[in-house]
PDB file of N, CA and C in Angstrom:
ATOM      1  N   MET A   1     157.946  -2.906  44.403  1.00  0.00           N
ATOM      2  CA  MET A   1     156.509  -2.859  44.583  1.00  0.00           C
ATOM      3  C   MET A   1     156.099  -1.499  45.143  1.00  0.00           C
ATOM      4  N   LYS A   2     156.887  -0.991  46.089  1.00  0.00           N
ATOM      5  CA  LYS A   2     156.552   0.293  46.695  1.00  0.00           C
ATOM      6  C   LYS A   2     156.573   1.404  45.639  1.00  0.00           C
ATOM      7  N   ARG A   3     157.563   1.394  44.762  1.00  0.00           N
ATOM      8  CA  ARG A   3     157.652   2.408  43.707  1.00  0.00           C
ATOM      9  C   ARG A   3     156.447   2.333  42.778  1.00  0.00           C
ATOM     10  N   LYS A   4     156.044   1.126  42.450  1.00  0.00           N
ATOM     11  CA  LYS A   4     154.892   0.956  41.568  1.00  0.00           C
ATOM     12  C   LYS A   4     153.647   1.533  42.228  1.00  0.00           C
ATOM     13  N   TYR A   5     153.469   1.284  43.512  1.00  0.00           N
ATOM     14  CA  TYR A   5     152.310   1.794  44.245  1.00  0.00           C
ATOM     15  C   TYR A   5     152.350   3.313  44.305  1.00  0.00           C
ATOM     16  N   GLU A   6     153.525   3.886  44.574  1.00  0.00           N
ATOM     17  CA  GLU A   6     153.660   5.338  44.647  1.00  0.00           C
ATOM     18  C   GLU A   6     153.330   5.973  43.304  1.00  0.00           C
ATOM     19  N   GLY A   7     153.762   5.365  42.228  1.00  0.00           N
ATOM     20  CA  GLY A   7     153.451   5.867  40.891  1.00  0.00           C
ATOM     21  C   GLY A   7     151.961   5.844  40.633  1.00  0.00           C
ATOM     22  N   SER A   8     151.333   4.762  41.045  1.00  0.00           N
ATOM     23  CA  SER A   8     149.891   4.632  40.886  1.00  0.00           C
ATOM     24  C   SER A   8     149.163   5.716  41.676  1.00  0.00           C
ATOM     25  N   THR A   9     149.650   6.003  42.876  1.00  0.00           N
ATOM     26  CA  THR A   9     149.042   7.032  43.710  1.00  0.00           C
ATOM     27  C   THR A   9     149.185   8.401  43.061  1.00  0.00           C
ATOM     28  N   LYS A  10     150.354   8.679  42.502  1.00  0.00           N
ATOM     29  CA  LYS A  10     150.577   9.968  41.841  1.00  0.00           C
ATOM     30  C   LYS A  10     149.667  10.123  40.629  1.00  0.00           C
ATOM     31  N   VAL A  11     149.511   9.057  39.878  1.00  0.00           N
ATOM     32  CA  VAL A  11     148.644   9.094  38.702  1.00  0.00           C
ATOM     33  C   VAL A  11     147.203   9.358  39.128  1.00  0.00           C
ATOM     34  N   LYS A  12     146.740   8.658  40.160  1.00  0.00           N
ATOM     35  CA  LYS A  12     145.370   8.865  40.642  1.00  0.00           C
ATOM     36  C   LYS A  12     145.167  10.298  41.115  1.00  0.00           C
ATOM     37  N   ARG A  13     146.161  10.831  41.821  1.00  0.00           N
ATOM     38  CA  ARG A  13     146.060  12.216  42.300  1.00  0.00           C
ATOM     39  C   ARG A  13     145.959  13.190  41.135  1.00  0.00           C
ATOM     40  N   ALA A  14     146.764  12.975  40.111  1.00  0.00           N
ATOM     41  CA  ALA A  14     146.745  13.852  38.934  1.00  0.00           C
ATOM     42  C   ALA A  14     145.407  13.749  38.206  1.00  0.00           C
ATOM     43  N   GLN A  15     144.898  12.526  38.067  1.00  0.00           N
ATOM     44  CA  GLN A  15     143.602  12.328  37.418  1.00  0.00           C
ATOM     45  C   GLN A  15     142.495  12.992  38.222  1.00  0.00           C
ATOM     46  N   LEU A  16     142.551  12.839  39.529  1.00  0.00           N
ATOM     47  CA  LEU A  16     141.540  13.423  40.402  1.00  0.00           C
ATOM     48  C   LEU A  16     141.567  14.945  40.316  1.00  0.00           C
ATOM     49  N   GLN A  17     142.741  15.514  40.273  1.00  0.00           N
ATOM     50  CA  GLN A  17     142.862  16.966  40.159  1.00  0.00           C
ATOM     51  C   GLN A  17     142.250  17.454  38.837  1.00  0.00           C
ATOM     52  N   ALA A  18     142.504  16.736  37.759  1.00  0.00           N
ATOM     53  CA  ALA A  18     141.940  17.104  36.455  1.00  0.00           C
ATOM     54  C   ALA A  18     140.416  16.994  36.479  1.00  0.00           C
ATOM     55  N   MET A  19     139.901  15.952  37.116  1.00  0.00           N
ATOM     56  CA  MET A  19     138.447  15.779  37.200  1.00  0.00           C
ATOM     57  C   MET A  19     137.805  16.844  38.075  1.00  0.00           C
ATOM     58  N   ARG A  20     138.489  17.243  39.151  1.00  0.00           N
ATOM     59  CA  ARG A  20     137.966  18.326  40.002  1.00  0.00           C
ATOM     60  C   ARG A  20     137.820  19.608  39.203  1.00  0.00           C
ATOM     61  N   ARG A  21     138.845  19.917  38.399  1.00  0.00           N
ATOM     62  CA  ARG A  21     138.786  21.109  37.549  1.00  0.00           C
ATOM     63  C   ARG A  21     137.615  21.013  36.580  1.00  0.00           C
ATOM     64  N   GLU A  22     137.482  19.847  35.950  1.00  0.00           N
ATOM     65  CA  GLU A  22     136.397  19.630  34.993  1.00  0.00           C
ATOM     66  C   GLU A  22     135.038  19.786  35.675  1.00  0.00           C
ATOM     67  N   PHE A  23     134.919  19.259  36.896  1.00  0.00           N
ATOM     68  CA  PHE A  23     133.668  19.341  37.650  1.00  0.00           C
ATOM     69  C   PHE A  23     133.353  20.791  38.021  1.00  0.00           C
ATOM     70  N   GLU A  24     134.372  21.538  38.417  1.00  0.00           N
ATOM     71  CA  GLU A  24     134.169  22.922  38.850  1.00  0.00           C
ATOM     72  C   GLU A  24     133.740  23.840  37.709  1.00  0.00           C
ATOM     73  N   VAL A  25     134.199  23.588  36.502  1.00  0.00           N
ATOM     74  CA  VAL A  25     133.848  24.448  35.369  1.00  0.00           C
ATOM     75  C   VAL A  25     132.704  23.878  34.533  1.00  0.00           C
ATOM     76  N   LEU A  26     132.096  22.826  35.019  1.00  0.00           N
ATOM     77  CA  LEU A  26     131.009  22.167  34.308  1.00  0.00           C
ATOM     78  C   LEU A  26     129.853  23.134  34.091  1.00  0.00           C
ATOM     79  N   ALA A  27     129.423  23.257  32.869  1.00  0.00           N
ATOM     80  CA  ALA A  27     128.289  24.112  32.534  1.00  0.00           C
ATOM     81  C   ALA A  27     127.478  23.434  31.436  1.00  0.00           C
ATOM     82  N   MET A  28     126.209  23.737  31.434  1.00  0.00           N
ATOM     83  CA  MET A  28     125.326  23.151  30.439  1.00  0.00           C
ATOM     84  C   MET A  28     125.561  23.831  29.089  1.00  0.00           C
ATOM     85  N   LYS A  29     125.664  23.024  28.047  1.00  0.00           N
ATOM     86  CA  LYS A  29     125.867  23.552  26.695  1.00  0.00           C
ATOM     87  C   LYS A  29     124.524  24.024  26.140  1.00  0.00           C
ATOM     88  N   GLU A  30     124.566  24.940  25.177  1.00  0.00           N
ATOM     89  CA  GLU A  30     123.334  25.500  24.618  1.00  0.00           C
ATOM     90  C   GLU A  30     122.424  24.448  24.001  1.00  0.00           C
ATOM     91  N   ASP A  31     123.000  23.513  23.275  1.00  0.00           N
ATOM     92  CA  ASP A  31     122.204  22.509  22.566  1.00  0.00           C
ATOM     93  C   ASP A  31     122.040  21.210  23.359  1.00  0.00           C
ATOM     94  N   GLU A  32     122.277  21.266  24.658  1.00  0.00           N
ATOM     95  CA  GLU A  32     122.264  20.073  25.506  1.00  0.00           C
ATOM     96  C   GLU A  32     120.983  20.019  26.336  1.00  0.00           C
ATOM     97  N   SER A  33     120.404  18.837  26.434  1.00  0.00           N
ATOM     98  CA  SER A  33     119.221  18.670  27.284  1.00  0.00           C
ATOM     99  C   SER A  33     119.658  18.535  28.742  1.00  0.00           C
ATOM    100  N   VAL A  34     118.705  18.704  29.634  1.00  0.00           N
ATOM    101  CA  VAL A  34     118.993  18.567  31.062  1.00  0.00           C
ATOM    102  C   VAL A  34     119.473  17.151  31.356  1.00  0.00           C
ATOM    103  N   ASP A  35     118.848  16.156  30.723  1.00  0.00           N
ATOM    104  CA  ASP A  35     119.256  14.758  30.927  1.00  0.00           C
ATOM    105  C   ASP A  35     120.704  14.527  30.505  1.00  0.00           C
ATOM    106  N   GLU A  36     121.102  15.097  29.377  1.00  0.00           N
ATOM    107  CA  GLU A  36     122.479  14.939  28.901  1.00  0.00           C
ATOM    108  C   GLU A  36     123.467  15.614  29.850  1.00  0.00           C
ATOM    109  N   TYR A  37     123.106  16.802  30.312  1.00  0.00           N
ATOM    110  CA  TYR A  37     123.967  17.531  31.248  1.00  0.00           C
ATOM    111  C   TYR A  37     124.113  16.755  32.555  1.00  0.00           C
ATOM    112  N   PHE A  38     122.997  16.278  33.071  1.00  0.00           N
ATOM    113  CA  PHE A  38     123.015  15.520  34.320  1.00  0.00           C
ATOM    114  C   PHE A  38     123.836  14.245  34.159  1.00  0.00           C
ATOM    115  N   SER A  39     123.718  13.604  33.010  1.00  0.00           N
ATOM    116  CA  SER A  39     124.486  12.388  32.738  1.00  0.00           C
ATOM    117  C   SER A  39     125.987  12.685  32.726  1.00  0.00           C
ATOM    118  N   ARG A  40     126.389  13.778  32.074  1.00  0.00           N
ATOM    119  CA  ARG A  40     127.804  14.169  32.064  1.00  0.00           C
ATOM    120  C   ARG A  40     128.302  14.445  33.471  1.00  0.00           C
ATOM    121  N   THR A  41     127.460  15.119  34.264  1.00  0.00           N
ATOM    122  CA  THR A  41     127.822  15.441  35.644  1.00  0.00           C
ATOM    123  C   THR A  41     128.051  14.169  36.449  1.00  0.00           C
ATOM    124  N   LEU A  42     127.144  13.210  36.312  1.00  0.00           N
ATOM    125  CA  LEU A  42     127.273  11.957  37.057  1.00  0.00           C
ATOM    126  C   LEU A  42     128.493  11.150  36.625  1.00  0.00           C
ATOM    127  N   VAL A  43     128.818  11.170  35.352  1.00  0.00           N
ATOM    128  CA  VAL A  43     130.001  10.447  34.863  1.00  0.00           C
ATOM    129  C   VAL A  43     131.252  10.996  35.541  1.00  0.00           C
ATOM    130  N   ILE A  44     131.370  12.319  35.585  1.00  0.00           N
ATOM    131  CA  ILE A  44     132.542  12.932  36.228  1.00  0.00           C
ATOM    132  C   ILE A  44     132.551  12.623  37.720  1.00  0.00           C
ATOM    133  N   ALA A  45     131.397  12.760  38.375  1.00  0.00           N
ATOM    134  CA  ALA A  45     131.311  12.496  39.817  1.00  0.00           C
ATOM    135  C   ALA A  45     131.663  11.041  40.126  1.00  0.00           C
ATOM    136  N   ASN A  46     131.202  10.110  39.313  1.00  0.00           N
ATOM    137  CA  ASN A  46     131.504   8.693  39.535  1.00  0.00           C
ATOM    138  C   ASN A  46     132.988   8.397  39.327  1.00  0.00           C
ATOM    139  N   LYS A  47     133.599   9.036  38.337  1.00  0.00           N
ATOM    140  CA  LYS A  47     135.043   8.857  38.126  1.00  0.00           C
ATOM    141  C   LYS A  47     135.822   9.384  39.324  1.00  0.00           C
ATOM    142  N   MET A  48     135.385  10.532  39.851  1.00  0.00           N
ATOM    143  CA  MET A  48     136.052  11.111  41.017  1.00  0.00           C
ATOM    144  C   MET A  48     135.922  10.184  42.221  1.00  0.00           C
ATOM    145  N   THR A  49     134.755   9.608  42.402  1.00  0.00           N
ATOM    146  CA  THR A  49     134.528   8.682  43.509  1.00  0.00           C
ATOM    147  C   THR A  49     135.413   7.445  43.367  1.00  0.00           C
ATOM    148  N   SER A  50     135.563   6.940  42.143  1.00  0.00           N
ATOM    149  CA  SER A  50     136.397   5.750  41.934  1.00  0.00           C
ATOM    150  C   SER A  50     137.875   6.036  42.195  1.00  0.00           C
ATOM    151  N   CYS A  51     138.267   7.308  42.134  1.00  0.00           N
ATOM    152  CA  CYS A  51     139.657   7.691  42.445  1.00  0.00           C
ATOM    153  C   CYS A  51     139.834   8.053  43.910  1.00  0.00           C
ATOM    154  N   GLY A  52     138.772   7.900  44.698  1.00  0.00           N
ATOM    155  CA  GLY A  52     138.897   8.117  46.131  1.00  0.00           C
ATOM    156  C   GLY A  52     138.309   9.406  46.655  1.00  0.00           C
ATOM    157  N   GLN A  53     137.733  10.231  45.794  1.00  0.00           N
ATOM    158  CA  GLN A  53     137.126  11.488  46.232  1.00  0.00           C
ATOM    159  C   GLN A  53     135.753  11.204  46.826  1.00  0.00           C
ATOM    160  N   ARG A  54     135.533  11.676  48.049  1.00  0.00           N
ATOM    161  CA  ARG A  54     134.211  11.529  48.662  1.00  0.00           C
ATOM    162  C   ARG A  54     133.353  12.695  48.198  1.00  0.00           C
ATOM    163  N   MET A  55     132.198  12.378  47.654  1.00  0.00           N
ATOM    164  CA  MET A  55     131.305  13.422  47.147  1.00  0.00           C
ATOM    165  C   MET A  55     129.956  13.293  47.832  1.00  0.00           C
ATOM    166  N   GLU A  56     129.463  14.400  48.321  1.00  0.00           N
ATOM    167  CA  GLU A  56     128.128  14.427  48.909  1.00  0.00           C
ATOM    168  C   GLU A  56     127.117  14.595  47.782  1.00  0.00           C
ATOM    169  N   GLN A  57     125.947  14.010  47.939  1.00  0.00           N
ATOM    170  CA  GLN A  57     124.900  14.139  46.927  1.00  0.00           C
ATOM    171  C   GLN A  57     124.541  15.605  46.692  1.00  0.00           C
ATOM    172  N   VAL A  58     124.579  16.398  47.753  1.00  0.00           N
ATOM    173  CA  VAL A  58     124.244  17.816  47.640  1.00  0.00           C
ATOM    174  C   VAL A  58     125.228  18.524  46.713  1.00  0.00           C
ATOM    175  N   THR A  59     126.493  18.183  46.801  1.00  0.00           N
ATOM    176  CA  THR A  59     127.515  18.795  45.952  1.00  0.00           C
ATOM    177  C   THR A  59     127.246  18.493  44.490  1.00  0.00           C
ATOM    178  N   VAL A  60     126.893  17.262  44.190  1.00  0.00           N
ATOM    179  CA  VAL A  60     126.638  16.852  42.815  1.00  0.00           C
ATOM    180  C   VAL A  60     125.415  17.573  42.272  1.00  0.00           C
ATOM    181  N   VAL A  61     124.374  17.705  43.066  1.00  0.00           N
ATOM    182  CA  VAL A  61     123.131  18.327  42.618  1.00  0.00           C
ATOM    183  C   VAL A  61     123.290  19.831  42.440  1.00  0.00           C
ATOM    184  N   GLU A  62     124.044  20.475  43.335  1.00  0.00           N
ATOM    185  CA  GLU A  62     124.217  21.927  43.235  1.00  0.00           C
ATOM    186  C   GLU A  62     124.858  22.266  41.926  1.00  0.00           C
TER     187      GLU A  62
END
């Protein structure tokens, strides 16, 4: 059971690291509306939160 939990933790950490990278390089596409961009941003932020990352609202908005 402990090994299974450790594996799960490693997977979450790897996923979180990938999402952090994605969040940091997030940019609005030329043909994208503000609503679409904001929606993509929130999807990434919500995934990060579900993996245990604490996100301040200010960070998401900036």
